[in-house]
Amino acid sequence: MSRELVNEICAAQPGAEWSDPWGGGHDCWKIGGKSFAVTGATNGLVSVKTDSAETARFLIETGVAERAAYLHASWVALPLDSAPDELAHRIRHSYRLVRGALPKKTQATLPPL
């Protein structure tokens, strides 16, 4: 899976916005101002949120992902060459988790799912 495909999946999420907040070529995808996927500039990984630190530990222990640098323990980093369906699932799940945690007022301003 390529960085371009990851960006396509992220861009397809309703209301998703791209930024490079740290400069240097990072791809940071946000919904309602909150990140749901971050691709490093050079490391070949995309970081996504999981529903809990326990789920993240499970994914790390089973070799699906690794610890996401600089992010909460509920985030994991997946290689860009992960199975396309697994990566798409994790990105979409991260998006839904982050969107669902936004204040109701913010959610009301977003495009429908």
PDB file of N, CA and C in Angstrom:
ATOM      1  N   MET A   1       0.852  -1.170   0.000  1.00  0.00           N
ATOM      2  CA  MET A   1       0.000   0.000   0.000  1.00  0.00           C
ATOM      3  C   MET A   1       0.892   1.225   0.000  1.00  0.00           C
ATOM      4  N   SER A   2       0.505   2.207  -0.718  1.00  0.00           N
ATOM      5  CA  SER A   2       1.333   3.398  -0.843  1.00  0.00           C
ATOM      6  C   SER A   2       0.768   4.545  -0.024  1.00  0.00           C
ATOM      7  N   ARG A   3       1.601   5.511   0.192  1.00  0.00           N
ATOM      8  CA  ARG A   3       1.193   6.733   0.880  1.00  0.00           C
ATOM      9  C   ARG A   3       0.021   7.393   0.145  1.00  0.00           C
ATOM     10  N   GLU A   4       0.054   7.350  -1.177  1.00  0.00           N
ATOM     11  CA  GLU A   4      -1.012   7.945  -1.968  1.00  0.00           C
ATOM     12  C   GLU A   4      -2.350   7.261  -1.700  1.00  0.00           C
ATOM     13  N   LEU A   5      -2.341   5.938  -1.582  1.00  0.00           N
ATOM     14  CA  LEU A   5      -3.574   5.216  -1.303  1.00  0.00           C
ATOM     15  C   LEU A   5      -4.082   5.531   0.101  1.00  0.00           C
ATOM     16  N   VAL A   6      -3.180   5.636   1.065  1.00  0.00           N
ATOM     17  CA  VAL A   6      -3.572   6.036   2.419  1.00  0.00           C
ATOM     18  C   VAL A   6      -4.248   7.397   2.369  1.00  0.00           C
ATOM     19  N   ASN A   7      -3.674   8.334   1.631  1.00  0.00           N
ATOM     20  CA  ASN A   7      -4.272   9.662   1.508  1.00  0.00           C
ATOM     21  C   ASN A   7      -5.629   9.617   0.819  1.00  0.00           C
ATOM     22  N   GLU A   8      -5.802   8.729  -0.151  1.00  0.00           N
ATOM     23  CA  GLU A   8      -7.097   8.575  -0.812  1.00  0.00           C
ATOM     24  C   GLU A   8      -8.154   8.081   0.167  1.00  0.00           C
ATOM     25  N   ILE A   9      -7.799   7.099   0.987  1.00  0.00           N
ATOM     26  CA  ILE A   9      -8.733   6.562   1.981  1.00  0.00           C
ATOM     27  C   ILE A   9      -9.115   7.664   2.966  1.00  0.00           C
ATOM     28  N   CYS A  10      -8.136   8.398   3.446  1.00  0.00           N
ATOM     29  CA  CYS A  10      -8.398   9.473   4.406  1.00  0.00           C
ATOM     30  C   CYS A  10      -9.258  10.568   3.790  1.00  0.00           C
ATOM     31  N   ALA A  11      -8.928  10.970   2.582  1.00  0.00           N
ATOM     32  CA  ALA A  11      -9.667  12.053   1.919  1.00  0.00           C
ATOM     33  C   ALA A  11     -11.122  11.671   1.657  1.00  0.00           C
ATOM     34  N   ALA A  12     -11.403  10.386   1.543  1.00  0.00           N
ATOM     35  CA  ALA A  12     -12.760   9.922   1.265  1.00  0.00           C
ATOM     36  C   ALA A  12     -13.678   9.989   2.491  1.00  0.00           C
ATOM     37  N   GLN A  13     -13.116  10.228   3.667  1.00  0.00           N
ATOM     38  CA  GLN A  13     -13.933  10.299   4.872  1.00  0.00           C
ATOM     39  C   GLN A  13     -14.637  11.662   4.914  1.00  0.00           C
ATOM     40  N   PRO A  14     -15.953  11.678   5.156  1.00  0.00           N
ATOM     41  CA  PRO A  14     -16.711  12.932   5.122  1.00  0.00           C
ATOM     42  C   PRO A  14     -16.155  13.999   6.062  1.00  0.00           C
ATOM     43  N   GLY A  15     -15.833  15.151   5.505  1.00  0.00           N
ATOM     44  CA  GLY A  15     -15.338  16.269   6.294  1.00  0.00           C
ATOM     45  C   GLY A  15     -13.867  16.211   6.650  1.00  0.00           C
ATOM     46  N   ALA A  16     -13.148  15.202   6.146  1.00  0.00           N
ATOM     47  CA  ALA A  16     -11.717  15.075   6.467  1.00  0.00           C
ATOM     48  C   ALA A  16     -10.933  16.225   5.861  1.00  0.00           C
ATOM     49  N   GLU A  17      -9.957  16.710   6.630  1.00  0.00           N
ATOM     50  CA  GLU A  17      -9.100  17.808   6.182  1.00  0.00           C
ATOM     51  C   GLU A  17      -7.644  17.413   6.343  1.00  0.00           C
ATOM     52  N   TRP A  18      -6.819  17.799   5.378  1.00  0.00           N
ATOM     53  CA  TRP A  18      -5.392  17.500   5.378  1.00  0.00           C
ATOM     54  C   TRP A  18      -4.604  18.706   5.886  1.00  0.00           C
ATOM     55  N   SER A  19      -3.508  18.420   6.581  1.00  0.00           N
ATOM     56  CA  SER A  19      -2.574  19.477   6.960  1.00  0.00           C
ATOM     57  C   SER A  19      -1.184  18.864   7.133  1.00  0.00           C
ATOM     58  N   ASP A  20      -0.198  19.736   7.221  1.00  0.00           N
ATOM     59  CA  ASP A  20       1.184  19.337   7.522  1.00  0.00           C
ATOM     60  C   ASP A  20       1.644  20.237   8.672  1.00  0.00           C
ATOM     61  N   PRO A  21       1.118  19.993   9.887  1.00  0.00           N
ATOM     62  CA  PRO A  21       1.330  20.923  10.995  1.00  0.00           C
ATOM     63  C   PRO A  21       2.769  21.048  11.476  1.00  0.00           C
ATOM     64  N   TRP A  22       3.600  20.053  11.230  1.00  0.00           N
ATOM     65  CA  TRP A  22       4.980  20.091  11.700  1.00  0.00           C
ATOM     66  C   TRP A  22       5.953  20.398  10.574  1.00  0.00           C
ATOM     67  N   GLY A  23       5.454  20.561   9.364  1.00  0.00           N
ATOM     68  CA  GLY A  23       6.317  20.801   8.216  1.00  0.00           C
ATOM     69  C   GLY A  23       7.091  19.542   7.850  1.00  0.00           C
ATOM     70  N   GLY A  24       7.813  19.608   6.788  1.00  0.00           N
ATOM     71  CA  GLY A  24       8.673  18.491   6.410  1.00  0.00           C
ATOM     72  C   GLY A  24       8.007  17.337   5.709  1.00  0.00           C
ATOM     73  N   GLY A  25       6.734  17.463   5.316  1.00  0.00           N
ATOM     74  CA  GLY A  25       6.110  16.416   4.523  1.00  0.00           C
ATOM     75  C   GLY A  25       5.281  15.402   5.269  1.00  0.00           C
ATOM     76  N   HIS A  26       4.797  15.724   6.453  1.00  0.00           N
ATOM     77  CA  HIS A  26       3.874  14.833   7.151  1.00  0.00           C
ATOM     78  C   HIS A  26       2.488  14.985   6.531  1.00  0.00           C
ATOM     79  N   ASP A  27       1.715  13.933   6.542  1.00  0.00           N
ATOM     80  CA  ASP A  27       0.317  13.993   6.147  1.00  0.00           C
ATOM     81  C   ASP A  27      -0.504  13.788   7.412  1.00  0.00           C
ATOM     82  N   CYS A  28      -1.172  14.823   7.868  1.00  0.00           N
ATOM     83  CA  CYS A  28      -2.005  14.753   9.062  1.00  0.00           C
ATOM     84  C   CYS A  28      -3.449  14.960   8.627  1.00  0.00           C
ATOM     85  N   TRP A  29      -4.266  13.956   8.846  1.00  0.00           N
ATOM     86  CA  TRP A  29      -5.679  14.020   8.480  1.00  0.00           C
ATOM     87  C   TRP A  29      -6.505  14.244   9.726  1.00  0.00           C
ATOM     88  N   LYS A  30      -7.424  15.228   9.645  1.00  0.00           N
ATOM     89  CA  LYS A  30      -8.228  15.624  10.797  1.00  0.00           C
ATOM     90  C   LYS A  30      -9.706  15.660  10.451  1.00  0.00           C
ATOM     91  N   ILE A  31     -10.511  15.508  11.503  1.00  0.00           N
ATOM     92  CA  ILE A  31     -11.937  15.724  11.421  1.00  0.00           C
ATOM     93  C   ILE A  31     -12.307  16.619  12.602  1.00  0.00           C
ATOM     94  N   GLY A  32     -12.965  17.724  12.321  1.00  0.00           N
ATOM     95  CA  GLY A  32     -13.327  18.650  13.388  1.00  0.00           C
ATOM     96  C   GLY A  32     -12.132  19.177  14.160  1.00  0.00           C
ATOM     97  N   GLY A  33     -10.981  19.280  13.505  1.00  0.00           N
ATOM     98  CA  GLY A  33      -9.778  19.796  14.143  1.00  0.00           C
ATOM     99  C   GLY A  33      -8.977  18.772  14.924  1.00  0.00           C
ATOM    100  N   LYS A  34      -9.406  17.513  14.942  1.00  0.00           N
ATOM    101  CA  LYS A  34      -8.718  16.450  15.685  1.00  0.00           C
ATOM    102  C   LYS A  34      -8.156  15.414  14.713  1.00  0.00           C
ATOM    103  N   SER A  35      -6.933  14.995  14.956  1.00  0.00           N
ATOM    104  CA  SER A  35      -6.261  14.036  14.070  1.00  0.00           C
ATOM    105  C   SER A  35      -6.867  12.644  14.169  1.00  0.00           C
ATOM    106  N   PHE A  36      -6.985  11.999  12.994  1.00  0.00           N
ATOM    107  CA  PHE A  36      -7.388  10.587  12.977  1.00  0.00           C
ATOM    108  C   PHE A  36      -6.380   9.709  12.239  1.00  0.00           C
ATOM    109  N   ALA A  37      -5.474  10.306  11.472  1.00  0.00           N
ATOM    110  CA  ALA A  37      -4.410   9.548  10.788  1.00  0.00           C
ATOM    111  C   ALA A  37      -3.239  10.487  10.524  1.00  0.00           C
ATOM    112  N   VAL A  38      -2.036   9.974  10.797  1.00  0.00           N
ATOM    113  CA  VAL A  38      -0.824  10.764  10.585  1.00  0.00           C
ATOM    114  C   VAL A  38       0.218   9.874   9.914  1.00  0.00           C
ATOM    115  N   THR A  39       0.697  10.323   8.758  1.00  0.00           N
ATOM    116  CA  THR A  39       1.759   9.611   8.059  1.00  0.00           C
ATOM    117  C   THR A  39       3.050  10.392   8.243  1.00  0.00           C
ATOM    118  N   GLY A  40       4.080   9.698   8.709  1.00  0.00           N
ATOM    119  CA  GLY A  40       5.367  10.347   8.912  1.00  0.00           C
ATOM    120  C   GLY A  40       6.001  10.762   7.602  1.00  0.00           C
ATOM    121  N   ALA A  41       6.902  11.702   7.683  1.00  0.00           N
ATOM    122  CA  ALA A  41       7.560  12.220   6.480  1.00  0.00           C
ATOM    123  C   ALA A  41       8.450  11.172   5.822  1.00  0.00           C
ATOM    124  N   THR A  42       9.101  10.331   6.610  1.00  0.00           N
ATOM    125  CA  THR A  42      10.072   9.399   6.031  1.00  0.00           C
ATOM    126  C   THR A  42      10.008   7.976   6.584  1.00  0.00           C
ATOM    127  N   ASN A  43       9.174   7.712   7.585  1.00  0.00           N
ATOM    128  CA  ASN A  43       9.258   6.411   8.254  1.00  0.00           C
ATOM    129  C   ASN A  43       8.424   5.294   7.647  1.00  0.00           C
ATOM    130  N   GLY A  44       7.581   5.570   6.652  1.00  0.00           N
ATOM    131  CA  GLY A  44       6.798   4.509   6.017  1.00  0.00           C
ATOM    132  C   GLY A  44       5.695   3.950   6.891  1.00  0.00           C
ATOM    133  N   LEU A  45       5.192   4.764   7.823  1.00  0.00           N
ATOM    134  CA  LEU A  45       4.144   4.329   8.741  1.00  0.00           C
ATOM    135  C   LEU A  45       2.987   5.313   8.727  1.00  0.00           C
ATOM    136  N   VAL A  46       1.797   4.808   9.033  1.00  0.00           N
ATOM    137  CA  VAL A  46       0.647   5.677   9.273  1.00  0.00           C
ATOM    138  C   VAL A  46       0.142   5.361  10.675  1.00  0.00           C
ATOM    139  N   SER A  47      -0.035   6.405  11.474  1.00  0.00           N
ATOM    140  CA  SER A  47      -0.522   6.248  12.842  1.00  0.00           C
ATOM    141  C   SER A  47      -2.014   6.491  12.880  1.00  0.00           C
ATOM    142  N   VAL A  48      -2.717   5.616  13.606  1.00  0.00           N
ATOM    143  CA  VAL A  48      -4.172   5.708  13.730  1.00  0.00           C
ATOM    144  C   VAL A  48      -4.580   5.431  15.168  1.00  0.00           C
ATOM    145  N   LYS A  49      -5.742   5.929  15.538  1.00  0.00           N
ATOM    146  CA  LYS A  49      -6.275   5.728  16.882  1.00  0.00           C
ATOM    147  C   LYS A  49      -7.027   4.399  16.944  1.00  0.00           C
ATOM    148  N   THR A  50      -6.889   3.714  18.066  1.00  0.00           N
ATOM    149  CA  THR A  50      -7.695   2.524  18.334  1.00  0.00           C
ATOM    150  C   THR A  50      -8.661   2.870  19.466  1.00  0.00           C
ATOM    151  N   ASP A  51      -9.547   1.950  19.794  1.00  0.00           N
ATOM    152  CA  ASP A  51     -10.537   2.243  20.830  1.00  0.00           C
ATOM    153  C   ASP A  51      -9.982   2.225  22.239  1.00  0.00           C
ATOM    154  N   SER A  52      -8.772   1.667  22.438  1.00  0.00           N
ATOM    155  CA  SER A  52      -8.202   1.627  23.785  1.00  0.00           C
ATOM    156  C   SER A  52      -6.715   1.296  23.732  1.00  0.00           C
ATOM    157  N   ALA A  53      -6.046   1.550  24.837  1.00  0.00           N
ATOM    158  CA  ALA A  53      -4.635   1.179  24.958  1.00  0.00           C
ATOM    159  C   ALA A  53      -4.487  -0.343  24.903  1.00  0.00           C
ATOM    160  N   GLU A  54      -5.492  -1.066  25.391  1.00  0.00           N
ATOM    161  CA  GLU A  54      -5.446  -2.532  25.363  1.00  0.00           C
ATOM    162  C   GLU A  54      -5.480  -3.052  23.927  1.00  0.00           C
ATOM    163  N   THR A  55      -6.348  -2.470  23.110  1.00  0.00           N
ATOM    164  CA  THR A  55      -6.403  -2.862  21.696  1.00  0.00           C
ATOM    165  C   THR A  55      -5.086  -2.544  21.010  1.00  0.00           C
ATOM    166  N   ALA A  56      -4.532  -1.389  21.315  1.00  0.00           N
ATOM    167  CA  ALA A  56      -3.246  -1.008  20.731  1.00  0.00           C
ATOM    168  C   ALA A  56      -2.169  -2.010  21.130  1.00  0.00           C
ATOM    169  N   ARG A  57      -2.129  -2.377  22.410  1.00  0.00           N
ATOM    170  CA  ARG A  57      -1.133  -3.365  22.865  1.00  0.00           C
ATOM    171  C   ARG A  57      -1.306  -4.700  22.142  1.00  0.00           C
ATOM    172  N   PHE A  58      -2.555  -5.129  21.955  1.00  0.00           N
ATOM    173  CA  PHE A  58      -2.827  -6.372  21.241  1.00  0.00           C
ATOM    174  C   PHE A  58      -2.282  -6.309  19.814  1.00  0.00           C
ATOM    175  N   LEU A  59      -2.556  -5.222  19.114  1.00  0.00           N
ATOM    176  CA  LEU A  59      -2.077  -5.077  17.739  1.00  0.00           C
ATOM    177  C   LEU A  59      -0.550  -5.050  17.683  1.00  0.00           C
ATOM    178  N   ILE A  60       0.055  -4.444  18.668  1.00  0.00           N
ATOM    179  CA  ILE A  60       1.525  -4.400  18.729  1.00  0.00           C
ATOM    180  C   ILE A  60       2.081  -5.787  19.040  1.00  0.00           C
ATOM    181  N   GLU A  61       1.508  -6.457  20.031  1.00  0.00           N
ATOM    182  CA  GLU A  61       1.985  -7.787  20.429  1.00  0.00           C
ATOM    183  C   GLU A  61       1.817  -8.822  19.323  1.00  0.00           C
ATOM    184  N   THR A  62       0.795  -8.693  18.499  1.00  0.00           N
ATOM    185  CA  THR A  62       0.563  -9.658  17.421  1.00  0.00           C
ATOM    186  C   THR A  62       1.315  -9.308  16.138  1.00  0.00           C
ATOM    187  N   GLY A  63       2.049  -8.198  16.167  1.00  0.00           N
ATOM    188  CA  GLY A  63       2.872  -7.824  15.020  1.00  0.00           C
ATOM    189  C   GLY A  63       2.143  -7.076  13.920  1.00  0.00           C
ATOM    190  N   VAL A  64       0.903  -6.691  14.162  1.00  0.00           N
ATOM    191  CA  VAL A  64       0.138  -5.948  13.155  1.00  0.00           C
ATOM    192  C   VAL A  64       0.624  -4.512  13.082  1.00  0.00           C
ATOM    193  N   ALA A  65       1.016  -3.970  14.236  1.00  0.00           N
ATOM    194  CA  ALA A  65       1.399  -2.556  14.318  1.00  0.00           C
ATOM    195  C   ALA A  65       2.557  -2.393  15.296  1.00  0.00           C
ATOM    196  N   GLU A  66       3.011  -1.151  15.404  1.00  0.00           N
ATOM    197  CA  GLU A  66       4.010  -0.807  16.410  1.00  0.00           C
ATOM    198  C   GLU A  66       3.522   0.417  17.163  1.00  0.00           C
ATOM    199  N   ARG A  67       4.190   0.730  18.239  1.00  0.00           N
ATOM    200  CA  ARG A  67       3.824   1.894  19.055  1.00  0.00           C
ATOM    201  C   ARG A  67       3.964   3.151  18.207  1.00  0.00           C
ATOM    202  N   ALA A  68       2.958   3.998  18.252  1.00  0.00           N
ATOM    203  CA  ALA A  68       2.992   5.262  17.516  1.00  0.00           C
ATOM    204  C   ALA A  68       3.789   6.279  18.332  1.00  0.00           C
ATOM    205  N   ALA A  69       4.842   6.785  17.744  1.00  0.00           N
ATOM    206  CA  ALA A  69       5.689   7.765  18.426  1.00  0.00           C
ATOM    207  C   ALA A  69       4.918   9.047  18.707  1.00  0.00           C
ATOM    208  N   TYR A  70       5.138   9.612  19.872  1.00  0.00           N
ATOM    209  CA  TYR A  70       4.621  10.928  20.274  1.00  0.00           C
ATOM    210  C   TYR A  70       3.115  10.982  20.505  1.00  0.00           C
ATOM    211  N   LEU A  71       2.408   9.869  20.405  1.00  0.00           N
ATOM    212  CA  LEU A  71       0.957   9.878  20.543  1.00  0.00           C
ATOM    213  C   LEU A  71       0.535   9.033  21.744  1.00  0.00           C
ATOM    214  N   HIS A  72      -0.707   9.167  22.160  1.00  0.00           N
ATOM    215  CA  HIS A  72      -1.265   8.436  23.284  1.00  0.00           C
ATOM    216  C   HIS A  72      -1.132   6.923  23.062  1.00  0.00           C
ATOM    217  N   ALA A  73      -1.164   6.168  24.133  1.00  0.00           N
ATOM    218  CA  ALA A  73      -1.002   4.714  24.077  1.00  0.00           C
ATOM    219  C   ALA A  73      -2.108   4.016  23.282  1.00  0.00           C
ATOM    220  N   SER A  74      -3.203   4.696  23.001  1.00  0.00           N
ATOM    221  CA  SER A  74      -4.274   4.085  22.212  1.00  0.00           C
ATOM    222  C   SER A  74      -4.030   4.222  20.707  1.00  0.00           C
ATOM    223  N   TRP A  75      -2.919   4.851  20.329  1.00  0.00           N
ATOM    224  CA  TRP A  75      -2.560   4.986  18.917  1.00  0.00           C
ATOM    225  C   TRP A  75      -1.529   3.944  18.532  1.00  0.00           C
ATOM    226  N   VAL A  76      -1.609   3.466  17.291  1.00  0.00           N
ATOM    227  CA  VAL A  76      -0.626   2.528  16.754  1.00  0.00           C
ATOM    228  C   VAL A  76      -0.132   3.035  15.402  1.00  0.00           C
ATOM    229  N   ALA A  77       1.019   2.538  15.003  1.00  0.00           N
ATOM    230  CA  ALA A  77       1.581   2.871  13.692  1.00  0.00           C
ATOM    231  C   ALA A  77       1.617   1.606  12.850  1.00  0.00           C
ATOM    232  N   LEU A  78       1.014   1.684  11.681  1.00  0.00           N
ATOM    233  CA  LEU A  78       0.964   0.557  10.749  1.00  0.00           C
ATOM    234  C   LEU A  78       1.876   0.834   9.568  1.00  0.00           C
ATOM    235  N   PRO A  79       2.597  -0.167   9.099  1.00  0.00           N
ATOM    236  CA  PRO A  79       3.418   0.020   7.899  1.00  0.00           C
ATOM    237  C   PRO A  79       2.533   0.341   6.692  1.00  0.00           C
ATOM    238  N   LEU A  80       3.010   1.211   5.831  1.00  0.00           N
ATOM    239  CA  LEU A  80       2.252   1.564   4.631  1.00  0.00           C
ATOM    240  C   LEU A  80       2.037   0.370   3.716  1.00  0.00           C
ATOM    241  N   ASP A  81       2.872  -0.669   3.855  1.00  0.00           N
ATOM    242  CA  ASP A  81       2.699  -1.861   3.019  1.00  0.00           C
ATOM    243  C   ASP A  81       1.878  -2.948   3.722  1.00  0.00           C
ATOM    244  N   SER A  82       1.125  -2.569   4.748  1.00  0.00           N
ATOM    245  CA  SER A  82       0.206  -3.509   5.400  1.00  0.00           C
ATOM    246  C   SER A  82      -0.849  -3.947   4.388  1.00  0.00           C
ATOM    247  N   ALA A  83      -1.545  -5.028   4.724  1.00  0.00           N
ATOM    248  CA  ALA A  83      -2.638  -5.489   3.857  1.00  0.00           C
ATOM    249  C   ALA A  83      -3.615  -4.337   3.635  1.00  0.00           C
ATOM    250  N   PRO A  84      -3.969  -4.054   2.389  1.00  0.00           N
ATOM    251  CA  PRO A  84      -4.837  -2.914   2.097  1.00  0.00           C
ATOM    252  C   PRO A  84      -6.149  -2.908   2.879  1.00  0.00           C
ATOM    253  N   ASP A  85      -6.786  -4.067   3.036  1.00  0.00           N
ATOM    254  CA  ASP A  85      -8.056  -4.095   3.765  1.00  0.00           C
ATOM    255  C   ASP A  85      -7.871  -3.802   5.250  1.00  0.00           C
ATOM    256  N   GLU A  86      -6.788  -4.274   5.843  1.00  0.00           N
ATOM    257  CA  GLU A  86      -6.501  -3.993   7.256  1.00  0.00           C
ATOM    258  C   GLU A  86      -6.238  -2.509   7.460  1.00  0.00           C
ATOM    259  N   LEU A  87      -5.439  -1.942   6.599  1.00  0.00           N
ATOM    260  CA  LEU A  87      -5.106  -0.529   6.715  1.00  0.00           C
ATOM    261  C   LEU A  87      -6.352   0.344   6.510  1.00  0.00           C
ATOM    262  N   ALA A  88      -7.154   0.031   5.509  1.00  0.00           N
ATOM    263  CA  ALA A  88      -8.383   0.798   5.267  1.00  0.00           C
ATOM    264  C   ALA A  88      -9.322   0.682   6.468  1.00  0.00           C
ATOM    265  N   HIS A  89      -9.449  -0.517   7.020  1.00  0.00           N
ATOM    266  CA  HIS A  89     -10.299  -0.723   8.199  1.00  0.00           C
ATOM    267  C   HIS A  89      -9.816   0.122   9.367  1.00  0.00           C
ATOM    268  N   ARG A  90      -8.520   0.101   9.639  1.00  0.00           N
ATOM    269  CA  ARG A  90      -7.963   0.849  10.775  1.00  0.00           C
ATOM    270  C   ARG A  90      -8.122   2.359  10.590  1.00  0.00           C
ATOM    271  N   ILE A  91      -7.943   2.851   9.392  1.00  0.00           N
ATOM    272  CA  ILE A  91      -8.110   4.292   9.136  1.00  0.00           C
ATOM    273  C   ILE A  91      -9.570   4.688   9.335  1.00  0.00           C
ATOM    274  N   ARG A  92     -10.481   3.921   8.779  1.00  0.00           N
ATOM    275  CA  ARG A  92     -11.905   4.241   8.914  1.00  0.00           C
ATOM    276  C   ARG A  92     -12.364   4.153  10.369  1.00  0.00           C
ATOM    277  N   HIS A  93     -11.868   3.153  11.090  1.00  0.00           N
ATOM    278  CA  HIS A  93     -12.210   3.003  12.505  1.00  0.00           C
ATOM    279  C   HIS A  93     -11.689   4.187  13.311  1.00  0.00           C
ATOM    280  N   SER A  94     -10.467   4.598  13.041  1.00  0.00           N
ATOM    281  CA  SER A  94      -9.882   5.755  13.719  1.00  0.00           C
ATOM    282  C   SER A  94     -10.724   6.999  13.452  1.00  0.00           C
ATOM    283  N   TYR A  95     -11.094   7.191  12.211  1.00  0.00           N
ATOM    284  CA  TYR A  95     -11.941   8.328  11.827  1.00  0.00           C
ATOM    285  C   TYR A  95     -13.239   8.327  12.635  1.00  0.00           C
ATOM    286  N   ARG A  96     -13.918   7.184  12.689  1.00  0.00           N
ATOM    287  CA  ARG A  96     -15.197   7.099  13.403  1.00  0.00           C
ATOM    288  C   ARG A  96     -15.021   7.364  14.905  1.00  0.00           C
ATOM    289  N   LEU A  97     -13.932   6.844  15.487  1.00  0.00           N
ATOM    290  CA  LEU A  97     -13.674   7.075  16.903  1.00  0.00           C
ATOM    291  C   LEU A  97     -13.471   8.562  17.199  1.00  0.00           C
ATOM    292  N   VAL A  98     -12.639   9.194  16.396  1.00  0.00           N
ATOM    293  CA  VAL A  98     -12.334  10.610  16.619  1.00  0.00           C
ATOM    294  C   VAL A  98     -13.576  11.460  16.366  1.00  0.00           C
ATOM    295  N   ARG A  99     -14.266  11.186  15.282  1.00  0.00           N
ATOM    296  CA  ARG A  99     -15.486  11.945  14.971  1.00  0.00           C
ATOM    297  C   ARG A  99     -16.510  11.789  16.088  1.00  0.00           C
ATOM    298  N   GLY A 100     -16.690  10.580  16.581  1.00  0.00           N
ATOM    299  CA  GLY A 100     -17.671  10.311  17.626  1.00  0.00           C
ATOM    300  C   GLY A 100     -17.341  10.966  18.960  1.00  0.00           C
ATOM    301  N   ALA A 101     -16.079  11.303  19.183  1.00  0.00           N
ATOM    302  CA  ALA A 101     -15.661  11.938  20.435  1.00  0.00           C
ATOM    303  C   ALA A 101     -15.738  13.462  20.373  1.00  0.00           C
ATOM    304  N   LEU A 102     -16.024  13.997  19.201  1.00  0.00           N
ATOM    305  CA  LEU A 102     -16.139  15.453  19.068  1.00  0.00           C
ATOM    306  C   LEU A 102     -17.389  15.945  19.791  1.00  0.00           C
ATOM    307  N   PRO A 103     -17.379  17.196  20.244  1.00  0.00           N
ATOM    308  CA  PRO A 103     -18.594  17.754  20.852  1.00  0.00           C
ATOM    309  C   PRO A 103     -19.768  17.681  19.868  1.00  0.00           C
ATOM    310  N   LYS A 104     -20.950  17.463  20.386  1.00  0.00           N
ATOM    311  CA  LYS A 104     -22.151  17.345  19.539  1.00  0.00           C
ATOM    312  C   LYS A 104     -22.332  18.570  18.646  1.00  0.00           C
ATOM    313  N   LYS A 105     -22.000  19.721  19.163  1.00  0.00           N
ATOM    314  CA  LYS A 105     -22.128  20.954  18.378  1.00  0.00           C
ATOM    315  C   LYS A 105     -21.209  20.903  17.150  1.00  0.00           C
ATOM    316  N   THR A 106     -19.997  20.404  17.330  1.00  0.00           N
ATOM    317  CA  THR A 106     -19.054  20.270  16.216  1.00  0.00           C
ATOM    318  C   THR A 106     -19.532  19.193  15.248  1.00  0.00           C
ATOM    319  N   GLN A 107     -19.995  18.071  15.792  1.00  0.00           N
ATOM    320  CA  GLN A 107     -20.500  16.987  14.938  1.00  0.00           C
ATOM    321  C   GLN A 107     -21.644  17.473  14.048  1.00  0.00           C
ATOM    322  N   ALA A 108     -22.472  18.337  14.580  1.00  0.00           N
ATOM    323  CA  ALA A 108     -23.625  18.836  13.825  1.00  0.00           C
ATOM    324  C   ALA A 108     -23.219  19.656  12.604  1.00  0.00           C
ATOM    325  N   THR A 109     -22.010  20.188  12.602  1.00  0.00           N
ATOM    326  CA  THR A 109     -21.549  20.999  11.470  1.00  0.00           C
ATOM    327  C   THR A 109     -20.875  20.172  10.380  1.00  0.00           C
ATOM    328  N   LEU A 110     -20.657  18.877  10.647  1.00  0.00           N
ATOM    329  CA  LEU A 110     -19.935  18.019   9.707  1.00  0.00           C
ATOM    330  C   LEU A 110     -20.872  17.393   8.683  1.00  0.00           C
ATOM    331  N   PRO A 111     -20.320  17.025   7.523  1.00  0.00           N
ATOM    332  CA  PRO A 111     -21.140  16.313   6.535  1.00  0.00           C
ATOM    333  C   PRO A 111     -21.632  14.992   7.109  1.00  0.00           C
ATOM    334  N   PRO A 112     -22.787  14.518   6.666  1.00  0.00           N
ATOM    335  CA  PRO A 112     -23.292  13.235   7.178  1.00  0.00           C
ATOM    336  C   PRO A 112     -22.386  12.073   6.785  1.00  0.00           C
ATOM    337  N   LEU A 113     -22.460  11.025   7.588  1.00  0.00           N
ATOM    338  CA  LEU A 113     -21.667   9.821   7.296  1.00  0.00           C
ATOM    339  C   LEU A 113     -22.263   9.050   6.148  1.00  0.00           C
TER     340      LEU A 113
END
